[in-house]
Amino acid sequence: SWPRWLGEREVWASPNSRGNRPAAERYSSTAKTLNLVALILGVLAIISSVVIIAVSLALY
């Protein structure tokens, strides 16, 4: 749904479409939430990989 969000953002940026603004703002807040979730998942993946490496090094 990333290209659709970009299209939604372009619609929001154009001045003659005032009616689409609330939907676009709602969509951008949803995208921010998804970005936050992706960031948290990425950090968790990095932490878990570091823990796995540390445990495997400790076992050897």
PDB file of N, CA and C in Angstrom:
ATOM      1  N   SER A   1       0.821  -1.216   0.000  1.00  0.00           N
ATOM      2  CA  SER A   1       0.000   0.000   0.000  1.00  0.00           C
ATOM      3  C   SER A   1       0.853   1.262   0.000  1.00  0.00           C
ATOM      4  N   TRP A   2       2.155   1.120  -0.219  1.00  0.00           N
ATOM      5  CA  TRP A   2       3.034   2.293  -0.208  1.00  0.00           C
ATOM      6  C   TRP A   2       2.789   3.207  -1.403  1.00  0.00           C
ATOM      7  N   PRO A   3       2.698   2.673  -2.658  1.00  0.00           N
ATOM      8  CA  PRO A   3       2.431   3.592  -3.778  1.00  0.00           C
ATOM      9  C   PRO A   3       1.086   4.286  -3.633  1.00  0.00           C
ATOM     10  N   ARG A   4       0.100   3.586  -3.070  1.00  0.00           N
ATOM     11  CA  ARG A   4      -1.208   4.205  -2.877  1.00  0.00           C
ATOM     12  C   ARG A   4      -1.097   5.355  -1.882  1.00  0.00           C
ATOM     13  N   TRP A   5      -0.284   5.189  -0.845  1.00  0.00           N
ATOM     14  CA  TRP A   5      -0.109   6.276   0.115  1.00  0.00           C
ATOM     15  C   TRP A   5       0.568   7.469  -0.545  1.00  0.00           C
ATOM     16  N   LEU A   6       1.543   7.205  -1.425  1.00  0.00           N
ATOM     17  CA  LEU A   6       2.209   8.304  -2.134  1.00  0.00           C
ATOM     18  C   LEU A   6       1.220   9.032  -3.031  1.00  0.00           C
ATOM     19  N   GLY A   7       0.338   8.277  -3.720  1.00  0.00           N
ATOM     20  CA  GLY A   7      -0.677   8.915  -4.547  1.00  0.00           C
ATOM     21  C   GLY A   7      -1.621   9.742  -3.701  1.00  0.00           C
ATOM     22  N   GLU A   8      -2.006   9.201  -2.539  1.00  0.00           N
ATOM     23  CA  GLU A   8      -2.870   9.918  -1.607  1.00  0.00           C
ATOM     24  C   GLU A   8      -2.190  11.209  -1.157  1.00  0.00           C
ATOM     25  N   ARG A   9      -0.902  11.152  -0.936  1.00  0.00           N
ATOM     26  CA  ARG A   9      -0.151  12.317  -0.494  1.00  0.00           C
ATOM     27  C   ARG A   9      -0.109  13.388  -1.587  1.00  0.00           C
ATOM     28  N   GLU A  10       0.043  12.965  -2.856  1.00  0.00           N
ATOM     29  CA  GLU A  10       0.041  13.924  -3.956  1.00  0.00           C
ATOM     30  C   GLU A  10      -1.321  14.596  -4.069  1.00  0.00           C
ATOM     31  N   VAL A  11      -2.392  13.822  -3.879  1.00  0.00           N
ATOM     32  CA  VAL A  11      -3.742  14.397  -3.908  1.00  0.00           C
ATOM     33  C   VAL A  11      -3.885  15.425  -2.793  1.00  0.00           C
ATOM     34  N   TRP A  12      -3.324  15.110  -1.626  1.00  0.00           N
ATOM     35  CA  TRP A  12      -3.423  16.027  -0.491  1.00  0.00           C
ATOM     36  C   TRP A  12      -2.632  17.305  -0.752  1.00  0.00           C
ATOM     37  N   ALA A  13      -1.525  17.203  -1.505  1.00  0.00           N
ATOM     38  CA  ALA A  13      -0.677  18.364  -1.748  1.00  0.00           C
ATOM     39  C   ALA A  13      -1.286  19.306  -2.784  1.00  0.00           C
ATOM     40  N   SER A  14      -2.136  18.802  -3.675  1.00  0.00           N
ATOM     41  CA  SER A  14      -2.707  19.675  -4.701  1.00  0.00           C
ATOM     42  C   SER A  14      -3.752  20.594  -4.076  1.00  0.00           C
ATOM     43  N   PRO A  15      -3.762  21.884  -4.421  1.00  0.00           N
ATOM     44  CA  PRO A  15      -4.597  22.861  -3.717  1.00  0.00           C
ATOM     45  C   PRO A  15      -6.078  22.785  -4.065  1.00  0.00           C
ATOM     46  N   ASN A  16      -6.438  22.226  -5.232  1.00  0.00           N
ATOM     47  CA  ASN A  16      -7.835  22.304  -5.664  1.00  0.00           C
ATOM     48  C   ASN A  16      -8.682  21.164  -5.111  1.00  0.00           C
ATOM     49  N   SER A  17      -8.107  20.258  -4.323  1.00  0.00           N
ATOM     50  CA  SER A  17      -8.890  19.145  -3.777  1.00  0.00           C
ATOM     51  C   SER A  17      -8.956  19.281  -2.257  1.00  0.00           C
ATOM     52  N   ARG A  18      -9.767  20.201  -1.798  1.00  0.00           N
ATOM     53  CA  ARG A  18      -9.917  20.399  -0.345  1.00  0.00           C
ATOM     54  C   ARG A  18     -10.675  19.240   0.302  1.00  0.00           C
ATOM     55  N   GLY A  19     -11.563  18.607  -0.469  1.00  0.00           N
ATOM     56  CA  GLY A  19     -12.423  17.590   0.121  1.00  0.00           C
ATOM     57  C   GLY A  19     -11.669  16.337   0.529  1.00  0.00           C
ATOM     58  N   ASN A  20     -10.516  16.089  -0.093  1.00  0.00           N
ATOM     59  CA  ASN A  20      -9.762  14.869   0.209  1.00  0.00           C
ATOM     60  C   ASN A  20      -8.808  15.058   1.377  1.00  0.00           C
ATOM     61  N   ARG A  21      -8.778  16.254   1.938  1.00  0.00           N
ATOM     62  CA  ARG A  21      -7.756  16.524   2.947  1.00  0.00           C
ATOM     63  C   ARG A  21      -7.912  15.683   4.223  1.00  0.00           C
ATOM     64  N   PRO A  22      -9.105  15.555   4.808  1.00  0.00           N
ATOM     65  CA  PRO A  22      -9.194  14.742   6.046  1.00  0.00           C
ATOM     66  C   PRO A  22      -8.780  13.290   5.813  1.00  0.00           C
ATOM     67  N   ALA A  23      -9.209  12.716   4.690  1.00  0.00           N
ATOM     68  CA  ALA A  23      -8.843  11.326   4.413  1.00  0.00           C
ATOM     69  C   ALA A  23      -7.330  11.200   4.261  1.00  0.00           C
ATOM     70  N   ALA A  24      -6.719  12.163   3.586  1.00  0.00           N
ATOM     71  CA  ALA A  24      -5.271  12.103   3.394  1.00  0.00           C
ATOM     72  C   ALA A  24      -4.543  12.267   4.723  1.00  0.00           C
ATOM     73  N   GLU A  25      -5.060  13.138   5.585  1.00  0.00           N
ATOM     74  CA  GLU A  25      -4.414  13.304   6.892  1.00  0.00           C
ATOM     75  C   GLU A  25      -4.553  12.038   7.721  1.00  0.00           C
ATOM     76  N   ARG A  26      -5.727  11.412   7.660  1.00  0.00           N
ATOM     77  CA  ARG A  26      -5.903  10.158   8.373  1.00  0.00           C
ATOM     78  C   ARG A  26      -4.936   9.113   7.819  1.00  0.00           C
ATOM     79  N   TYR A  27      -4.779   9.101   6.497  1.00  0.00           N
ATOM     80  CA  TYR A  27      -3.890   8.127   5.877  1.00  0.00           C
ATOM     81  C   TYR A  27      -2.446   8.370   6.285  1.00  0.00           C
ATOM     82  N   SER A  28      -2.050   9.644   6.366  1.00  0.00           N
ATOM     83  CA  SER A  28      -0.661   9.923   6.736  1.00  0.00           C
ATOM     84  C   SER A  28      -0.411   9.547   8.193  1.00  0.00           C
ATOM     85  N   SER A  29      -1.423   9.723   9.058  1.00  0.00           N
ATOM     86  CA  SER A  29      -1.234   9.298  10.451  1.00  0.00           C
ATOM     87  C   SER A  29      -1.119   7.780  10.520  1.00  0.00           C
ATOM     88  N   THR A  30      -1.886   7.082   9.697  1.00  0.00           N
ATOM     89  CA  THR A  30      -1.752   5.625   9.631  1.00  0.00           C
ATOM     90  C   THR A  30      -0.359   5.240   9.154  1.00  0.00           C
ATOM     91  N   ALA A  31       0.159   5.966   8.164  1.00  0.00           N
ATOM     92  CA  ALA A  31       1.500   5.674   7.655  1.00  0.00           C
ATOM     93  C   ALA A  31       2.545   5.938   8.727  1.00  0.00           C
ATOM     94  N   LYS A  32       2.344   6.999   9.527  1.00  0.00           N
ATOM     95  CA  LYS A  32       3.285   7.271  10.619  1.00  0.00           C
ATOM     96  C   LYS A  32       3.258   6.132  11.634  1.00  0.00           C
ATOM     97  N   THR A  33       2.059   5.627  11.937  1.00  0.00           N
ATOM     98  CA  THR A  33       1.953   4.506  12.870  1.00  0.00           C
ATOM     99  C   THR A  33       2.668   3.278  12.315  1.00  0.00           C
ATOM    100  N   LEU A  34       2.482   3.016  11.013  1.00  0.00           N
ATOM    101  CA  LEU A  34       3.158   1.874  10.399  1.00  0.00           C
ATOM    102  C   LEU A  34       4.667   2.066  10.408  1.00  0.00           C
ATOM    103  N   ASN A  35       5.126   3.295  10.182  1.00  0.00           N
ATOM    104  CA  ASN A  35       6.562   3.568  10.239  1.00  0.00           C
ATOM    105  C   ASN A  35       7.096   3.312  11.643  1.00  0.00           C
ATOM    106  N   LEU A  36       6.326   3.712  12.666  1.00  0.00           N
ATOM    107  CA  LEU A  36       6.746   3.493  14.049  1.00  0.00           C
ATOM    108  C   LEU A  36       6.825   2.001  14.347  1.00  0.00           C
ATOM    109  N   VAL A  37       5.820   1.254  13.906  1.00  0.00           N
ATOM    110  CA  VAL A  37       5.819  -0.196  14.119  1.00  0.00           C
ATOM    111  C   VAL A  37       7.014  -0.836  13.417  1.00  0.00           C
ATOM    112  N   ALA A  38       7.300  -0.391  12.184  1.00  0.00           N
ATOM    113  CA  ALA A  38       8.442  -0.942  11.449  1.00  0.00           C
ATOM    114  C   ALA A  38       9.747  -0.609  12.157  1.00  0.00           C
ATOM    115  N   LEU A  39       9.835   0.611  12.695  1.00  0.00           N
ATOM    116  CA  LEU A  39      11.046   1.008  13.420  1.00  0.00           C
ATOM    117  C   LEU A  39      11.236   0.145  14.662  1.00  0.00           C
ATOM    118  N   ILE A  40      10.145  -0.069  15.422  1.00  0.00           N
ATOM    119  CA  ILE A  40      10.225  -0.887  16.632  1.00  0.00           C
ATOM    120  C   ILE A  40      10.621  -2.322  16.274  1.00  0.00           C
ATOM    121  N   LEU A  41      10.012  -2.854  15.199  1.00  0.00           N
ATOM    122  CA  LEU A  41      10.354  -4.217  14.784  1.00  0.00           C
ATOM    123  C   LEU A  41      11.811  -4.312  14.352  1.00  0.00           C
ATOM    124  N   GLY A  42      12.301  -3.279  13.669  1.00  0.00           N
ATOM    125  CA  GLY A  42      13.698  -3.286  13.256  1.00  0.00           C
ATOM    126  C   GLY A  42      14.640  -3.270  14.441  1.00  0.00           C
ATOM    127  N   VAL A  43      14.321  -2.438  15.436  1.00  0.00           N
ATOM    128  CA  VAL A  43      15.158  -2.370  16.638  1.00  0.00           C
ATOM    129  C   VAL A  43      15.131  -3.703  17.378  1.00  0.00           C
ATOM    130  N   LEU A  44      13.940  -4.300  17.482  1.00  0.00           N
ATOM    131  CA  LEU A  44      13.840  -5.603  18.144  1.00  0.00           C
ATOM    132  C   LEU A  44      14.638  -6.667  17.389  1.00  0.00           C
ATOM    133  N   ALA A  45      14.603  -6.611  16.049  1.00  0.00           N
ATOM    134  CA  ALA A  45      15.363  -7.586  15.259  1.00  0.00           C
ATOM    135  C   ALA A  45      16.857  -7.410  15.491  1.00  0.00           C
ATOM    136  N   ILE A  46      17.320  -6.162  15.547  1.00  0.00           N
ATOM    137  CA  ILE A  46      18.747  -5.911  15.791  1.00  0.00           C
ATOM    138  C   ILE A  46      19.142  -6.416  17.177  1.00  0.00           C
ATOM    139  N   ILE A  47      18.322  -6.105  18.183  1.00  0.00           N
ATOM    140  CA  ILE A  47      18.629  -6.532  19.555  1.00  0.00           C
ATOM    141  C   ILE A  47      18.653  -8.060  19.637  1.00  0.00           C
ATOM    142  N   SER A  48      17.652  -8.704  19.017  1.00  0.00           N
ATOM    143  CA  SER A  48      17.595 -10.165  19.106  1.00  0.00           C
ATOM    144  C   SER A  48      18.772 -10.805  18.378  1.00  0.00           C
ATOM    145  N   SER A  49      19.180 -10.218  17.240  1.00  0.00           N
ATOM    146  CA  SER A  49      20.335 -10.787  16.537  1.00  0.00           C
ATOM    147  C   SER A  49      21.610 -10.610  17.354  1.00  0.00           C
ATOM    148  N   VAL A  50      21.750  -9.473  18.026  1.00  0.00           N
ATOM    149  CA  VAL A  50      22.915  -9.262  18.888  1.00  0.00           C
ATOM    150  C   VAL A  50      22.911 -10.261  20.041  1.00  0.00           C
ATOM    151  N   VAL A  51      21.745 -10.491  20.627  1.00  0.00           N
ATOM    152  CA  VAL A  51      21.642 -11.456  21.725  1.00  0.00           C
ATOM    153  C   VAL A  51      21.992 -12.857  21.235  1.00  0.00           C
ATOM    154  N   ILE A  52      21.492 -13.228  20.054  1.00  0.00           N
ATOM    155  CA  ILE A  52      21.785 -14.557  19.508  1.00  0.00           C
ATOM    156  C   ILE A  52      23.283 -14.711  19.260  1.00  0.00           C
ATOM    157  N   ILE A  53      23.920 -13.670  18.703  1.00  0.00           N
ATOM    158  CA  ILE A  53      25.367 -13.730  18.456  1.00  0.00           C
ATOM    159  C   ILE A  53      26.127 -13.852  19.777  1.00  0.00           C
ATOM    160  N   ALA A  54      25.707 -13.084  20.787  1.00  0.00           N
ATOM    161  CA  ALA A  54      26.394 -13.126  22.078  1.00  0.00           C
ATOM    162  C   ALA A  54      26.253 -14.504  22.717  1.00  0.00           C
ATOM    163  N   VAL A  55      25.063 -15.084  22.637  1.00  0.00           N
ATOM    164  CA  VAL A  55      24.846 -16.411  23.222  1.00  0.00           C
ATOM    165  C   VAL A  55      25.676 -17.459  22.484  1.00  0.00           C
ATOM    166  N   SER A  56      25.705 -17.378  21.159  1.00  0.00           N
ATOM    167  CA  SER A  56      26.481 -18.367  20.405  1.00  0.00           C
ATOM    168  C   SER A  56      27.975 -18.209  20.678  1.00  0.00           C
ATOM    169  N   LEU A  57      28.444 -16.986  20.872  1.00  0.00           N
ATOM    170  CA  LEU A  57      29.853 -16.781  21.217  1.00  0.00           C
ATOM    171  C   LEU A  57      30.142 -17.294  22.624  1.00  0.00           C
ATOM    172  N   ALA A  58      29.177 -17.128  23.533  1.00  0.00           N
ATOM    173  CA  ALA A  58      29.387 -17.583  24.904  1.00  0.00           C
ATOM    174  C   ALA A  58      29.407 -19.111  24.971  1.00  0.00           C
ATOM    175  N   LEU A  59      28.659 -19.764  24.083  1.00  0.00           N
ATOM    176  CA  LEU A  59      28.624 -21.220  24.104  1.00  0.00           C
ATOM    177  C   LEU A  59      29.913 -21.815  23.567  1.00  0.00           C
ATOM    178  N   TYR A  60      30.580 -21.125  22.661  1.00  0.00           N
ATOM    179  CA  TYR A  60      31.813 -21.681  22.086  1.00  0.00           C
ATOM    180  C   TYR A  60      32.987 -21.542  23.016  1.00  0.00           C
TER     181      TYR A  60
END
